Amino acid sequence: VESGGSVYAAGAAFSESGMSAPTIWRLTDGAVTQTIPLTEGSRYAVAEALIEGGGSLYAAGEEFDADGSGIATVWKLTDGVVQTIPLTDGSRDATADTILPASGR
């Protein structure tokens, strides 16, 4: 996603313990200038899609709960603050792998 002269990418960053945290990377002039973790990294999670809208970045993916169930999740990043928005309740495994702007926006 391109925004304000920078390019953003989403995915997962792995810790030394092997845990995956959803992450947004900001690239300016072809170099990574910022790494933004979307969770604290205590449970496996990954961002699979990214979009910019209304001054915020939105990443879609999944985060596993304490029972190991995949919860489809959207993370909203605005002014350095991350809001986690679960889309499912964990009763069945789920992931969000696409995110699109609302029609007319």
Protein backbone atom coordinates (compact mmCIF):
# COMPACT_ATOMS: atom_id res chain seq x y z
CA VAL A 1 0.00 0.00 0.00
CA GLU A 2 1.38 3.44 -0.87
CA SER A 3 0.61 6.37 1.43
CA GLY A 4 2.30 9.75 1.88
CA GLY A 5 5.36 8.85 -0.19
CA SER A 6 5.99 5.63 1.71
CA VAL A 7 5.14 2.05 0.85
CA TYR A 8 3.74 -0.29 3.50
CA ALA A 9 3.86 -4.09 3.60
CA ALA A 10 2.22 -6.52 6.03
CA GLY A 11 3.15 -10.00 7.15
CA ALA A 12 4.63 -11.73 10.18
CA ALA A 13 7.85 -11.24 12.10
CA PHE A 14 9.17 -14.27 13.98
CA SER A 15 10.79 -14.00 17.40
CA GLU A 16 13.73 -16.10 18.57
CA SER A 17 11.22 -18.40 20.31
CA GLY A 18 9.50 -19.03 16.95
CA MET A 19 6.38 -17.02 17.79
CA SER A 20 4.92 -15.01 14.91
CA ALA A 21 3.55 -11.48 15.35
CA PRO A 22 1.63 -9.57 12.67
CA THR A 23 3.77 -6.69 11.50
CA ILE A 24 3.61 -3.68 9.19
CA TRP A 25 6.83 -2.46 7.58
CA ARG A 26 7.22 1.08 6.24
CA LEU A 27 9.59 1.52 3.31
CA THR A 28 10.89 4.89 2.16
CA ASP A 29 13.18 5.14 -0.87
CA GLY A 30 13.44 1.36 -0.95
CA ALA A 31 14.65 0.96 2.63
CA VAL A 32 12.74 -0.19 5.73
CA THR A 33 12.33 2.90 7.89
CA GLN A 34 9.85 1.57 10.46
CA THR A 35 8.73 -1.80 11.82
CA ILE A 36 5.33 -1.77 13.53
CA PRO A 37 4.27 -4.89 15.49
CA LEU A 38 0.48 -5.21 15.73
CA THR A 39 0.45 -7.49 18.79
CA GLU A 40 2.72 -8.09 21.77
CA GLY A 41 3.78 -11.40 20.22
CA SER A 42 2.62 -13.78 22.97
CA ARG A 43 0.42 -15.83 20.58
CA TYR A 44 0.88 -16.84 16.98
CA ALA A 45 -0.63 -14.30 14.57
CA VAL A 46 -0.07 -13.11 11.01
CA ALA A 47 -1.27 -10.24 8.83
CA GLU A 48 -2.16 -11.30 5.28
CA ALA A 49 -3.61 -8.18 3.67
CA LEU A 50 -3.21 -4.41 4.03
CA ILE A 51 -5.15 -1.31 2.96
CA GLU A 52 -5.03 2.42 3.72
CA GLY A 53 -8.16 4.47 4.31
CA GLY A 54 -9.10 7.63 6.15
CA GLY A 55 -5.62 8.17 7.53
CA SER A 56 -5.41 4.66 9.01
CA LEU A 57 -3.79 1.41 7.92
CA TYR A 58 -5.88 -1.75 8.19
CA ALA A 59 -4.34 -5.22 8.22
CA ALA A 60 -6.36 -8.44 7.99
CA GLY A 61 -5.24 -11.86 9.16
CA GLU A 62 -5.56 -14.23 12.06
CA GLU A 63 -4.56 -14.46 15.69
CA PHE A 64 -4.72 -17.70 17.65
CA ASP A 65 -6.41 -17.70 21.05
CA ALA A 66 -5.19 -19.54 24.16
CA ASP A 67 -6.98 -22.70 23.00
CA GLY A 68 -5.23 -22.64 19.61
CA SER A 69 -8.25 -21.55 17.58
CA GLY A 70 -7.64 -19.13 14.71
CA ILE A 71 -9.63 -15.92 15.02
CA ALA A 72 -10.10 -13.81 11.88
CA THR A 73 -8.84 -10.37 12.88
CA VAL A 74 -8.43 -6.83 11.56
CA TRP A 75 -5.83 -4.51 13.10
CA LYS A 76 -6.35 -0.77 12.67
CA LEU A 77 -3.26 1.46 12.97
CA THR A 78 -3.91 5.18 13.48
CA ASP A 79 -1.25 7.62 14.68
CA GLY A 80 0.84 4.78 16.12
CA VAL A 81 -2.06 3.25 18.08
CA VAL A 82 -3.19 -0.28 17.19
CA GLN A 83 -6.82 -1.33 17.65
CA THR A 84 -7.54 -5.08 17.43
CA ILE A 85 -10.91 -5.99 15.91
CA PRO A 86 -11.77 -9.71 16.14
CA LEU A 87 -14.12 -10.81 13.36
CA THR A 88 -14.90 -14.25 14.78
CA ASP A 89 -15.21 -15.73 18.27
CA GLY A 90 -12.81 -18.68 18.03
CA SER A 91 -15.54 -21.32 18.05
CA ARG A 92 -14.23 -22.35 14.58
CA ASP A 93 -10.87 -21.65 12.97
CA ALA A 94 -10.97 -18.62 10.70
CA THR A 95 -8.66 -16.17 8.95
CA ALA A 96 -9.15 -12.98 6.95
CA ASP A 97 -6.91 -12.90 3.88
CA THR A 98 -8.40 -10.00 1.91
CA ILE A 99 -9.43 -6.47 2.85
CA LEU A 100 -11.15 -4.03 0.50
CA PRO A 101 -12.46 -0.46 0.80
CA ALA A 102 -16.20 0.03 1.24
CA SER A 103 -18.03 0.89 -1.97
CA GLY A 104 -18.05 4.61 -2.71
CA ARG A 105 -15.07 5.42 -0.49
